Amino acid sequence: MRDYLNITPLDIQQHQFNVRFRGFDIREVDAFLDRIAQSLDALYKDIERLRMENRDLKSQNEQLTEQVAGYRGKYETAKLELDQMNANAKRIAESMLAEAEQKAEAIVNRAYNRMAQVHEDIIRLKTQRMQIEAQIRAVIESHLKLLDMEAMQNKRVEEEYEKLRRIATVEGDPFVMTKPVETFEPPVDPGQAERKA
């Protein structure tokens, strides 16, 4: 674990120096070496802690990398599904729009056809009305002519009666003098009266 260093705190603590005359103070050297050993031990502990933290961070990094890869895969899958859904929605919308346009065109065509049929019916009814009015006018004029003919016939009958009555008066026929001839008096049409006037 600590093979990258050639010396350990225990090596420093257990190291024995040779004593020479007029050499260093042994107690001072030992105290200094103890301090170095303690510092080196603290340094080893920090290094071990950092190595453990580094391993933990690497492990976390690998986990996060795997999670990111999983999320990326899920994102790609979701993106493909979303693109497919958008394509399907667009296709359905275009189909519905085309169908709606066809229905609208059919409705407009039916409305135009109905309007044309109504126009034709109006023209036909107007023509029928004119024909019926002409027929009624012809019937009325025919009846008026018949009434005029009847009036003229009655007038002739009256004239004949007046002639006969005058002759009877001269000859003294009491029957003709006292019995008037019954005549038919047709109702007078206001239009006919205006035409005669």
Protein backbone atom coordinates (compact mmCIF):
# COMPACT_ATOMS: atom_id res chain seq x y z
CA MET A 1 0.00 0.00 0.00
CA ARG A 2 2.92 2.34 0.76
CA ASP A 3 5.49 0.79 -1.57
CA TYR A 4 5.92 4.09 -3.39
CA LEU A 5 7.87 5.40 -0.34
CA ASN A 6 11.21 3.98 0.86
CA ILE A 7 10.70 4.94 4.49
CA THR A 8 7.87 4.72 6.97
CA PRO A 9 7.24 6.44 10.28
CA LEU A 10 8.09 3.18 12.08
CA ASP A 11 11.46 3.07 10.26
CA ILE A 12 12.23 6.55 11.53
CA GLN A 13 11.19 5.71 15.08
CA GLN A 14 13.22 2.48 15.20
CA HIS A 15 16.28 3.76 13.41
CA GLN A 16 19.44 3.75 15.63
CA PHE A 17 22.30 6.12 14.94
CA ASN A 18 25.90 5.33 15.83
CA VAL A 19 27.18 7.39 18.71
CA ARG A 20 30.38 9.35 18.07
CA PHE A 21 32.35 11.61 20.26
CA ARG A 22 31.20 15.11 20.01
CA GLY A 23 28.24 14.01 17.91
CA PHE A 24 24.61 15.34 17.95
CA ASP A 25 22.56 15.33 21.11
CA ILE A 26 20.81 11.99 21.08
CA ARG A 27 17.70 13.24 22.84
CA GLU A 28 17.37 16.17 20.46
CA VAL A 29 17.81 13.89 17.47
CA ASP A 30 15.24 11.44 18.87
CA ALA A 31 12.74 14.24 19.51
CA PHE A 32 13.25 15.58 16.01
CA LEU A 33 12.89 12.15 14.51
CA ASP A 34 9.69 11.63 16.52
CA ARG A 35 8.32 14.83 15.07
CA ILE A 36 9.27 13.76 11.57
CA ALA A 37 7.70 10.33 12.19
CA GLN A 38 4.47 11.93 13.39
CA SER A 39 4.36 14.31 10.44
CA LEU A 40 5.09 11.47 8.06
CA ASP A 41 2.39 9.32 9.68
CA ALA A 42 -0.13 12.14 9.30
CA LEU A 43 0.98 12.51 5.72
CA TYR A 44 0.46 8.78 5.10
CA LYS A 45 -3.00 8.99 6.64
CA ASP A 46 -3.90 11.95 4.41
CA ILE A 47 -2.63 10.08 1.40
CA GLU A 48 -4.68 7.00 2.35
CA ARG A 49 -7.73 9.17 2.91
CA LEU A 50 -7.26 10.89 -0.44
CA ARG A 51 -6.75 7.54 -2.18
CA MET A 52 -9.97 6.23 -0.63
CA GLU A 53 -11.79 9.39 -1.60
CA ASN A 54 -10.34 9.07 -5.09
CA ARG A 55 -11.60 5.48 -5.31
CA ASP A 56 -15.02 6.60 -4.08
CA LEU A 57 -15.08 9.44 -6.59
CA LYS A 58 -14.03 7.09 -9.38
CA SER A 59 -16.77 4.66 -8.34
CA GLN A 60 -19.29 7.50 -8.22
CA ASN A 61 -18.02 8.75 -11.58
CA GLU A 62 -18.46 5.29 -13.09
CA GLN A 63 -21.96 5.06 -11.63
CA LEU A 64 -22.80 8.53 -12.91
CA THR A 65 -21.34 7.63 -16.31
CA GLU A 66 -23.51 4.53 -16.41
CA GLN A 67 -26.52 6.57 -15.32
CA VAL A 68 -25.78 9.21 -17.96
CA ALA A 69 -25.43 6.46 -20.56
CA GLY A 70 -28.75 5.00 -19.37
CA TYR A 71 -30.38 8.42 -19.44
CA ARG A 72 -28.92 9.06 -22.89
CA GLY A 73 -30.35 5.78 -24.11
CA LYS A 74 -33.72 6.59 -22.57
CA TYR A 75 -33.53 10.08 -24.09
CA GLU A 76 -32.80 8.67 -27.53
CA THR A 77 -35.63 6.16 -27.15
CA ALA A 78 -38.01 8.86 -25.94
CA LYS A 79 -36.91 11.13 -28.77
CA LEU A 80 -37.57 8.40 -31.34
CA GLU A 81 -40.97 7.70 -29.78
CA LEU A 82 -41.78 11.42 -29.74
CA ASP A 83 -40.73 11.80 -33.36
CA GLN A 84 -42.89 8.80 -34.26
CA MET A 85 -45.82 10.26 -32.31
CA ASN A 86 -45.37 13.62 -34.05
CA ALA A 87 -45.23 11.91 -37.44
CA ASN A 88 -48.38 9.90 -36.63
CA ALA A 89 -50.16 13.01 -35.33
CA LYS A 90 -49.17 14.95 -38.45
CA ARG A 91 -50.37 12.13 -40.70
CA ILE A 92 -53.67 11.87 -38.81
CA ALA A 93 -54.13 15.65 -38.89
CA GLU A 94 -53.46 15.75 -42.64
CA SER A 95 -55.91 12.89 -43.17
CA MET A 96 -58.57 14.59 -41.06
CA LEU A 97 -57.98 17.89 -42.86
CA ALA A 98 -58.29 16.22 -46.27
CA GLU A 99 -61.48 14.46 -45.17
CA ALA A 100 -62.91 17.72 -43.80
CA GLU A 101 -62.07 19.51 -47.05
CA GLN A 102 -63.81 16.76 -49.05
CA LYS A 103 -66.88 16.96 -46.82
CA ALA A 104 -66.93 20.75 -47.07
CA GLU A 105 -66.61 20.58 -50.86
CA ALA A 106 -69.43 18.03 -50.99
CA ILE A 107 -71.64 20.27 -48.81
CA VAL A 108 -70.89 23.30 -50.99
CA ASN A 109 -71.65 21.31 -54.15
CA ARG A 110 -74.94 20.08 -52.67
CA ALA A 111 -75.82 23.64 -51.69
CA TYR A 112 -75.07 24.92 -55.20
CA ASN A 113 -77.07 22.09 -56.75
CA ARG A 114 -79.97 22.78 -54.39
CA MET A 115 -79.83 26.47 -55.18
CA ALA A 116 -79.84 25.72 -58.91
CA GLN A 117 -82.81 23.35 -58.41
CA VAL A 118 -84.69 25.99 -56.41
CA HIS A 119 -83.97 28.54 -59.14
CA GLU A 120 -85.30 26.15 -61.76
CA ASP A 121 -88.39 25.46 -59.62
CA ILE A 122 -89.02 29.20 -59.28
CA ILE A 123 -88.76 29.67 -63.04
CA ARG A 124 -91.05 26.68 -63.63
CA LEU A 125 -93.62 27.95 -61.10
CA LYS A 126 -93.55 31.42 -62.66
CA THR A 127 -94.12 29.87 -66.08
CA GLN A 128 -96.99 27.77 -64.72
CA ARG A 129 -98.47 30.86 -63.06
CA MET A 130 -98.34 32.81 -66.31
CA GLN A 131 -99.94 29.89 -68.16
CA ILE A 132 -102.69 29.56 -65.54
CA GLU A 133 -103.31 33.32 -65.59
CA ALA A 134 -103.53 33.21 -69.38
CA GLN A 135 -105.96 30.28 -69.21
CA ILE A 136 -108.10 32.03 -66.58
CA ARG A 137 -108.06 35.23 -68.64
CA ALA A 138 -109.13 33.25 -71.71
CA VAL A 139 -111.94 31.56 -69.78
CA ILE A 140 -113.12 34.91 -68.40
CA GLU A 141 -113.02 36.51 -71.85
CA SER A 142 -114.90 33.52 -73.28
CA HIS A 143 -117.59 33.86 -70.61
CA LEU A 144 -117.78 37.59 -71.24
CA LYS A 145 -118.29 36.93 -74.93
CA LEU A 146 -121.04 34.43 -74.13
CA LEU A 147 -122.69 37.01 -71.87
CA ASP A 148 -122.44 39.63 -74.61
CA MET A 149 -124.00 37.22 -77.08
CA GLU A 150 -126.78 36.43 -74.60
CA ALA A 151 -127.42 40.13 -74.07
CA MET A 152 -127.55 40.71 -77.82
CA GLN A 153 -130.00 37.80 -78.20
CA ASN A 154 -132.20 39.17 -75.42
CA LYS A 155 -132.11 42.54 -77.11
CA ARG A 156 -133.27 41.01 -80.35
CA VAL A 157 -136.06 39.13 -78.51
CA GLU A 158 -137.19 42.37 -76.92
CA GLU A 159 -137.15 44.09 -80.26
CA GLU A 160 -139.21 41.27 -81.77
CA TYR A 161 -141.60 41.45 -78.84
CA GLU A 162 -141.98 45.21 -79.28
CA LYS A 163 -142.77 44.69 -82.94
CA LEU A 164 -145.35 42.03 -82.13
CA ARG A 165 -146.86 44.17 -79.38
CA ARG A 166 -147.17 47.13 -81.68
CA ILE A 167 -148.82 44.90 -84.31
CA ALA A 168 -151.17 43.43 -81.69
CA THR A 169 -152.05 46.89 -80.50
CA VAL A 170 -152.97 47.88 -83.96
CA GLU A 171 -154.97 44.69 -84.53
CA GLY A 172 -156.46 44.66 -81.00
CA ASP A 173 -155.09 41.33 -79.60
CA PRO A 174 -155.60 41.63 -75.83
CA PHE A 175 -153.41 38.58 -74.96
CA VAL A 176 -150.26 39.99 -76.49
CA MET A 177 -150.94 43.42 -75.06
CA THR A 178 -151.20 42.22 -71.48
CA LYS A 179 -148.53 39.40 -71.23
CA PRO A 180 -144.94 40.63 -71.47
CA VAL A 181 -142.18 38.40 -72.78
CA GLU A 182 -139.85 37.09 -70.03
CA THR A 183 -136.23 37.78 -70.83
CA PHE A 184 -133.00 36.73 -69.16
CA GLU A 185 -131.02 39.62 -67.72
CA PRO A 186 -127.38 38.54 -67.23
CA PRO A 187 -125.36 40.14 -64.45
CA VAL A 188 -123.42 43.12 -65.68
CA ASP A 189 -119.64 42.78 -65.32
CA PRO A 190 -117.97 46.07 -64.27
CA GLY A 191 -115.27 45.58 -66.88
CA GLN A 192 -117.86 44.89 -69.54
CA ALA A 193 -119.84 47.99 -68.50
CA GLU A 194 -116.67 50.07 -68.80
CA ARG A 195 -115.88 48.60 -72.22
CA LYS A 196 -119.45 49.39 -73.42
CA ALA A 197 -119.17 52.88 -72.03
